[in-house]
C-alpha cells in the first residue's frame, strides 16, 4: 500500500481513500458523516477556508481531516 501524502485532493478522491470499496458518492457521504461526528472539525475546516460548495480540499484541510480521522 502506498504512503498517504498530504496534498490537494478532490472531495470524492479523498473519500475513496478512506472508503475504497464504496462508490464515490457513498464514500463522500460516509466521510462527511465522520467529519460531522468529530467535535468542531467542520468549523475548523471552515476556518481553513472550506466552502460548502468546494470540490477540493487544500493540503491544510486534508491535514486537519487526517489529524482528526487518522490516515486512510
PDB file of N, CA and C in Angstrom:
ATOM      1  N   UNK A   1       0.840  -1.180   0.000  1.00  0.00           N
ATOM      2  CA  UNK A   1       0.000   0.000   0.000  1.00  0.00           C
ATOM      3  C   UNK A   1       0.884   1.244   0.000  1.00  0.00           C
ATOM      4  N   UNK A   2       0.494   2.244  -0.777  1.00  0.00           N
ATOM      5  CA  UNK A   2       1.266   3.474  -0.874  1.00  0.00           C
ATOM      6  C   UNK A   2       1.131   4.314   0.386  1.00  0.00           C
ATOM      7  N   UNK A   3       2.171   5.084   0.676  1.00  0.00           N
ATOM      8  CA  UNK A   3       2.134   6.009   1.798  1.00  0.00           C
ATOM      9  C   UNK A   3       1.190   7.154   1.454  1.00  0.00           C
ATOM     10  N   UNK A   4       0.347   7.538   2.390  1.00  0.00           N
ATOM     11  CA  UNK A   4      -0.592   8.634   2.160  1.00  0.00           C
ATOM     12  C   UNK A   4       0.162   9.951   2.191  1.00  0.00           C
ATOM     13  N   UNK A   5      -0.100  10.806   1.209  1.00  0.00           N
ATOM     14  CA  UNK A   5       0.569  12.099   1.125  1.00  0.00           C
ATOM     15  C   UNK A   5      -0.434  13.221   1.347  1.00  0.00           C
ATOM     16  N   UNK A   6      -0.021  14.205   2.133  1.00  0.00           N
ATOM     17  CA  UNK A   6      -0.827  15.403   2.324  1.00  0.00           C
ATOM     18  C   UNK A   6      -0.627  16.276   1.093  1.00  0.00           C
ATOM     19  N   UNK A   7      -1.702  16.499   0.355  1.00  0.00           N
ATOM     20  CA  UNK A   7      -1.684  17.323  -0.852  1.00  0.00           C
ATOM     21  C   UNK A   7      -3.118  17.740  -1.135  1.00  0.00           C
ATOM     22  N   UNK A   8      -3.345  18.483  -2.195  1.00  0.00           N
ATOM     23  CA  UNK A   8      -4.701  18.823  -2.593  1.00  0.00           C
ATOM     24  C   UNK A   8      -5.400  17.563  -3.102  1.00  0.00           C
ATOM     25  N   UNK A   9      -6.625  17.343  -2.631  1.00  0.00           N
ATOM     26  CA  UNK A   9      -7.434  16.206  -3.058  1.00  0.00           C
ATOM     27  C   UNK A   9      -8.806  16.703  -3.479  1.00  0.00           C
ATOM     28  N   UNK A  10      -9.385  16.061  -4.483  1.00  0.00           N
ATOM     29  CA  UNK A  10     -10.803  16.241  -4.763  1.00  0.00           C
ATOM     30  C   UNK A  10     -11.576  15.616  -3.622  1.00  0.00           C
ATOM     31  N   UNK A  11     -12.771  16.114  -3.379  1.00  0.00           N
ATOM     32  CA  UNK A  11     -13.516  15.605  -2.214  1.00  0.00           C
ATOM     33  C   UNK A  11     -13.861  14.125  -2.344  1.00  0.00           C
ATOM     34  N   UNK A  12     -14.238  13.672  -3.526  1.00  0.00           N
ATOM     35  CA  UNK A  12     -14.523  12.245  -3.665  1.00  0.00           C
ATOM     36  C   UNK A  12     -13.240  11.429  -3.736  1.00  0.00           C
ATOM     37  N   UNK A  13     -12.178  12.029  -4.250  1.00  0.00           N
ATOM     38  CA  UNK A  13     -10.886  11.333  -4.283  1.00  0.00           C
ATOM     39  C   UNK A  13     -10.430  11.007  -2.862  1.00  0.00           C
ATOM     40  N   UNK A  14     -10.516  11.984  -1.971  1.00  0.00           N
ATOM     41  CA  UNK A  14     -10.133  11.756  -0.580  1.00  0.00           C
ATOM     42  C   UNK A  14     -11.080  10.757   0.079  1.00  0.00           C
ATOM     43  N   UNK A  15     -12.366  10.897  -0.191  1.00  0.00           N
ATOM     44  CA  UNK A  15     -13.345   9.975   0.393  1.00  0.00           C
ATOM     45  C   UNK A  15     -13.059   8.541  -0.029  1.00  0.00           C
ATOM     46  N   UNK A  16     -12.654   8.342  -1.272  1.00  0.00           N
ATOM     47  CA  UNK A  16     -12.364   6.983  -1.729  1.00  0.00           C
ATOM     48  C   UNK A  16     -11.063   6.450  -1.143  1.00  0.00           C
ATOM     49  N   UNK A  17     -10.174   7.328  -0.700  1.00  0.00           N
ATOM     50  CA  UNK A  17      -9.001   6.856   0.036  1.00  0.00           C
ATOM     51  C   UNK A  17      -9.450   6.215   1.353  1.00  0.00           C
ATOM     52  N   UNK A  18     -10.469   6.809   1.991  1.00  0.00           N
ATOM     53  CA  UNK A  18     -10.991   6.277   3.254  1.00  0.00           C
ATOM     54  C   UNK A  18     -11.922   5.085   3.041  1.00  0.00           C
ATOM     55  N   UNK A  19     -12.668   5.083   1.949  1.00  0.00           N
ATOM     56  CA  UNK A  19     -13.667   4.037   1.697  1.00  0.00           C
ATOM     57  C   UNK A  19     -13.497   3.503   0.277  1.00  0.00           C
ATOM     58  N   UNK A  20     -12.420   2.774   0.017  1.00  0.00           N
ATOM     59  CA  UNK A  20     -12.114   2.370  -1.359  1.00  0.00           C
ATOM     60  C   UNK A  20     -13.113   1.392  -1.988  1.00  0.00           C
ATOM     61  N   UNK A  21     -13.889   0.701  -1.193  1.00  0.00           N
ATOM     62  CA  UNK A  21     -14.826  -0.270  -1.764  1.00  0.00           C
ATOM     63  C   UNK A  21     -16.198   0.335  -2.068  1.00  0.00           C
ATOM     64  N   UNK A  22     -16.414   1.574  -1.662  1.00  0.00           N
ATOM     65  CA  UNK A  22     -17.705   2.225  -1.890  1.00  0.00           C
ATOM     66  C   UNK A  22     -17.664   3.028  -3.184  1.00  0.00           C
ATOM     67  N   UNK A  23     -18.844   3.267  -3.756  1.00  0.00           N
ATOM     68  CA  UNK A  23     -18.870   4.138  -4.924  1.00  0.00           C
ATOM     69  C   UNK A  23     -18.560   5.566  -4.456  1.00  0.00           C
ATOM     70  N   UNK A  24     -18.110   6.448  -5.346  1.00  0.00           N
ATOM     71  CA  UNK A  24     -17.660   7.778  -4.933  1.00  0.00           C
ATOM     72  C   UNK A  24     -18.671   8.585  -4.125  1.00  0.00           C
ATOM     73  N   UNK A  25     -19.921   8.571  -4.531  1.00  0.00           N
ATOM     74  CA  UNK A  25     -20.938   9.358  -3.816  1.00  0.00           C
ATOM     75  C   UNK A  25     -21.160   8.819  -2.403  1.00  0.00           C
ATOM     76  N   UNK A  26     -21.260   7.512  -2.265  1.00  0.00           N
ATOM     77  CA  UNK A  26     -21.461   6.906  -0.946  1.00  0.00           C
ATOM     78  C   UNK A  26     -20.244   7.138  -0.057  1.00  0.00           C
ATOM     79  N   UNK A  27     -19.054   7.039  -0.624  1.00  0.00           N
ATOM     80  CA  UNK A  27     -17.831   7.277   0.145  1.00  0.00           C
ATOM     81  C   UNK A  27     -17.798   8.712   0.645  1.00  0.00           C
ATOM     82  N   UNK A  28     -18.162   9.655  -0.209  1.00  0.00           N
ATOM     83  CA  UNK A  28     -18.185  11.063   0.188  1.00  0.00           C
ATOM     84  C   UNK A  28     -19.180  11.287   1.330  1.00  0.00           C
ATOM     85  N   UNK A  29     -20.376  10.730   1.212  1.00  0.00           N
ATOM     86  CA  UNK A  29     -21.380  10.891   2.278  1.00  0.00           C
ATOM     87  C   UNK A  29     -20.877  10.294   3.596  1.00  0.00           C
ATOM     88  N   UNK A  30     -20.215   9.138   3.525  1.00  0.00           N
ATOM     89  CA  UNK A  30     -19.699   8.489   4.736  1.00  0.00           C
ATOM     90  C   UNK A  30     -18.645   9.362   5.418  1.00  0.00           C
ATOM     91  N   UNK A  31     -17.709   9.899   4.637  1.00  0.00           N
ATOM     92  CA  UNK A  31     -16.663  10.755   5.223  1.00  0.00           C
ATOM     93  C   UNK A  31     -17.286  12.023   5.805  1.00  0.00           C
ATOM     94  N   UNK A  32     -18.315  12.563   5.157  1.00  0.00           N
ATOM     95  CA  UNK A  32     -18.994  13.746   5.712  1.00  0.00           C
ATOM     96  C   UNK A  32     -19.653  13.403   7.049  1.00  0.00           C
ATOM     97  N   UNK A  33     -20.199  12.202   7.174  1.00  0.00           N
ATOM     98  CA  UNK A  33     -20.769  11.774   8.452  1.00  0.00           C
ATOM     99  C   UNK A  33     -19.682  11.727   9.525  1.00  0.00           C
ATOM    100  N   UNK A  34     -18.524  11.180   9.163  1.00  0.00           N
ATOM    101  CA  UNK A  34     -17.422  11.105  10.126  1.00  0.00           C
ATOM    102  C   UNK A  34     -16.951  12.500  10.519  1.00  0.00           C
ATOM    103  N   UNK A  35     -16.853  13.399   9.562  1.00  0.00           N
ATOM    104  CA  UNK A  35     -16.433  14.779   9.856  1.00  0.00           C
ATOM    105  C   UNK A  35     -17.429  15.420  10.817  1.00  0.00           C
ATOM    106  N   UNK A  36     -18.725  15.216  10.571  1.00  0.00           N
ATOM    107  CA  UNK A  36     -19.743  15.804  11.442  1.00  0.00           C
ATOM    108  C   UNK A  36     -19.727  15.196  12.846  1.00  0.00           C
ATOM    109  N   UNK A  37     -19.288  13.955  12.970  1.00  0.00           N
ATOM    110  CA  UNK A  37     -19.229  13.304  14.283  1.00  0.00           C
ATOM    111  C   UNK A  37     -18.037  13.786  15.106  1.00  0.00           C
ATOM    112  N   UNK A  38     -16.998  14.291  14.447  1.00  0.00           N
ATOM    113  CA  UNK A  38     -15.812  14.731  15.164  1.00  0.00           C
ATOM    114  C   UNK A  38     -16.033  16.161  15.651  1.00  0.00           C
ATOM    115  N   UNK A  39     -15.936  16.414  16.959  1.00  0.00           N
ATOM    116  CA  UNK A  39     -16.233  17.738  17.510  1.00  0.00           C
ATOM    117  C   UNK A  39     -15.408  18.850  16.852  1.00  0.00           C
ATOM    118  N   UNK A  40     -16.105  19.861  16.382  1.00  0.00           N
ATOM    119  CA  UNK A  40     -15.515  21.090  15.843  1.00  0.00           C
ATOM    120  C   UNK A  40     -14.739  20.927  14.539  1.00  0.00           C
ATOM    121  N   UNK A  41     -14.705  19.750  13.952  1.00  0.00           N
ATOM    122  CA  UNK A  41     -13.925  19.572  12.734  1.00  0.00           C
ATOM    123  C   UNK A  41     -14.508  20.375  11.578  1.00  0.00           C
ATOM    124  N   UNK A  42     -15.809  20.354  11.404  1.00  0.00           N
ATOM    125  CA  UNK A  42     -16.412  21.118  10.307  1.00  0.00           C
ATOM    126  C   UNK A  42     -16.106  22.612  10.459  1.00  0.00           C
ATOM    127  N   UNK A  43     -16.166  23.127  11.682  1.00  0.00           N
ATOM    128  CA  UNK A  43     -15.847  24.547  11.903  1.00  0.00           C
ATOM    129  C   UNK A  43     -14.374  24.822  11.624  1.00  0.00           C
ATOM    130  N   UNK A  44     -13.504  23.912  12.032  1.00  0.00           N
ATOM    131  CA  UNK A  44     -12.071  24.072  11.776  1.00  0.00           C
ATOM    132  C   UNK A  44     -11.804  24.104  10.277  1.00  0.00           C
ATOM    133  N   UNK A  45     -12.480  23.245   9.521  1.00  0.00           N
ATOM    134  CA  UNK A  45     -12.317  23.238   8.068  1.00  0.00           C
ATOM    135  C   UNK A  45     -12.815  24.556   7.473  1.00  0.00           C
ATOM    136  N   UNK A  46     -13.914  25.069   7.984  1.00  0.00           N
ATOM    137  CA  UNK A  46     -14.428  26.365   7.515  1.00  0.00           C
ATOM    138  C   UNK A  46     -13.425  27.477   7.826  1.00  0.00           C
ATOM    139  N   UNK A  47     -12.814  27.412   8.994  1.00  0.00           N
ATOM    140  CA  UNK A  47     -11.794  28.407   9.365  1.00  0.00           C
ATOM    141  C   UNK A  47     -10.597  28.340   8.423  1.00  0.00           C
ATOM    142  N   UNK A  48     -10.347  27.158   7.870  1.00  0.00           N
ATOM    143  CA  UNK A  48      -9.249  26.981   6.917  1.00  0.00           C
ATOM    144  C   UNK A  48      -9.673  27.318   5.480  1.00  0.00           C
ATOM    145  N   UNK A  49     -10.896  27.819   5.325  1.00  0.00           N
ATOM    146  CA  UNK A  49     -11.348  28.283   4.023  1.00  0.00           C
ATOM    147  C   UNK A  49     -12.244  27.343   3.254  1.00  0.00           C
ATOM    148  N   UNK A  50     -12.688  26.244   3.870  1.00  0.00           N
ATOM    149  CA  UNK A  50     -13.554  25.314   3.154  1.00  0.00           C
ATOM    150  C   UNK A  50     -14.938  25.919   2.978  1.00  0.00           C
ATOM    151  N   UNK A  51     -15.387  25.975   1.756  1.00  0.00           N
ATOM    152  CA  UNK A  51     -16.718  26.439   1.407  1.00  0.00           C
ATOM    153  C   UNK A  51     -17.577  25.199   1.163  1.00  0.00           C
ATOM    154  N   UNK A  52     -18.862  25.206   1.552  1.00  0.00           N
ATOM    155  CA  UNK A  52     -19.693  24.015   1.321  1.00  0.00           C
ATOM    156  C   UNK A  52     -19.762  23.586  -0.145  1.00  0.00           C
ATOM    157  N   UNK A  53     -19.517  24.499  -1.053  1.00  0.00           N
ATOM    158  CA  UNK A  53     -19.566  24.163  -2.484  1.00  0.00           C
ATOM    159  C   UNK A  53     -18.199  23.763  -3.037  1.00  0.00           C
ATOM    160  N   UNK A  54     -17.170  23.797  -2.205  1.00  0.00           N
ATOM    161  CA  UNK A  54     -15.828  23.426  -2.653  1.00  0.00           C
ATOM    162  C   UNK A  54     -15.808  21.985  -3.130  1.00  0.00           C
ATOM    163  N   UNK A  55     -15.068  21.747  -4.202  1.00  0.00           N
ATOM    164  CA  UNK A  55     -14.946  20.389  -4.724  1.00  0.00           C
ATOM    165  C   UNK A  55     -13.561  19.814  -4.434  1.00  0.00           C
ATOM    166  N   UNK A  56     -12.709  20.619  -3.805  1.00  0.00           N
ATOM    167  CA  UNK A  56     -11.371  20.153  -3.441  1.00  0.00           C
ATOM    168  C   UNK A  56     -11.052  20.560  -2.006  1.00  0.00           C
ATOM    169  N   UNK A  57     -10.130  19.815  -1.431  1.00  0.00           N
ATOM    170  CA  UNK A  57      -9.579  20.139  -0.115  1.00  0.00           C
ATOM    171  C   UNK A  57      -8.142  20.598  -0.312  1.00  0.00           C
ATOM    172  N   UNK A  58      -7.769  21.670   0.360  1.00  0.00           N
ATOM    173  CA  UNK A  58      -6.388  22.141   0.325  1.00  0.00           C
ATOM    174  C   UNK A  58      -5.539  21.212   1.193  1.00  0.00           C
ATOM    175  N   UNK A  59      -4.217  21.280   1.056  1.00  0.00           N
ATOM    176  CA  UNK A  59      -3.371  20.463   1.932  1.00  0.00           C
ATOM    177  C   UNK A  59      -3.634  20.724   3.421  1.00  0.00           C
ATOM    178  N   UNK A  60      -3.880  21.969   3.807  1.00  0.00           N
ATOM    179  CA  UNK A  60      -4.160  22.272   5.216  1.00  0.00           C
ATOM    180  C   UNK A  60      -5.460  21.611   5.669  1.00  0.00           C
ATOM    181  N   UNK A  61      -6.462  21.600   4.805  1.00  0.00           N
ATOM    182  CA  UNK A  61      -7.730  20.960   5.140  1.00  0.00           C
ATOM    183  C   UNK A  61      -7.571  19.440   5.209  1.00  0.00           C
ATOM    184  N   UNK A  62      -6.809  18.888   4.294  1.00  0.00           N
ATOM    185  CA  UNK A  62      -6.547  17.439   4.317  1.00  0.00           C
ATOM    186  C   UNK A  62      -5.826  17.075   5.604  1.00  0.00           C
ATOM    187  N   UNK A  63      -4.850  17.878   6.003  1.00  0.00           N
ATOM    188  CA  UNK A  63      -4.116  17.608   7.256  1.00  0.00           C
ATOM    189  C   UNK A  63      -5.067  17.622   8.445  1.00  0.00           C
ATOM    190  N   UNK A  64      -5.996  18.581   8.485  1.00  0.00           N
ATOM    191  CA  UNK A  64      -6.960  18.651   9.584  1.00  0.00           C
ATOM    192  C   UNK A  64      -7.839  17.406   9.617  1.00  0.00           C
ATOM    193  N   UNK A  65      -8.265  16.945   8.454  1.00  0.00           N
ATOM    194  CA  UNK A  65      -9.094  15.741   8.383  1.00  0.00           C
ATOM    195  C   UNK A  65      -8.294  14.519   8.844  1.00  0.00           C
ATOM    196  N   UNK A  66      -7.063  14.396   8.364  1.00  0.00           N
ATOM    197  CA  UNK A  66      -6.229  13.256   8.737  1.00  0.00           C
ATOM    198  C   UNK A  66      -5.883  13.301  10.227  1.00  0.00           C
ATOM    199  N   UNK A  67      -5.629  14.492  10.763  1.00  0.00           N
ATOM    200  CA  UNK A  67      -5.346  14.612  12.196  1.00  0.00           C
ATOM    201  C   UNK A  67      -6.547  14.142  13.025  1.00  0.00           C
ATOM    202  N   UNK A  68      -7.752  14.414  12.541  1.00  0.00           N
ATOM    203  CA  UNK A  68      -8.954  14.035  13.269  1.00  0.00           C
ATOM    204  C   UNK A  68      -9.327  12.566  13.049  1.00  0.00           C
ATOM    205  N   UNK A  69      -9.319  12.130  11.804  1.00  0.00           N
ATOM    206  CA  UNK A  69      -9.819  10.795  11.474  1.00  0.00           C
ATOM    207  C   UNK A  69      -8.733   9.739  11.367  1.00  0.00           C
ATOM    208  N   UNK A  70      -7.491  10.156  11.277  1.00  0.00           N
ATOM    209  CA  UNK A  70      -6.399   9.229  11.043  1.00  0.00           C
ATOM    210  C   UNK A  70      -6.164   9.086   9.549  1.00  0.00           C
ATOM    211  N   UNK A  71      -5.036   8.470   9.202  1.00  0.00           N
ATOM    212  CA  UNK A  71      -4.721   8.262   7.793  1.00  0.00           C
ATOM    213  C   UNK A  71      -5.669   7.225   7.205  1.00  0.00           C
ATOM    214  N   UNK A  72      -6.009   7.422   5.936  1.00  0.00           N
ATOM    215  CA  UNK A  72      -6.866   6.419   5.293  1.00  0.00           C
ATOM    216  C   UNK A  72      -6.137   5.098   5.107  1.00  0.00           C
TER     217      UNK A  72
END
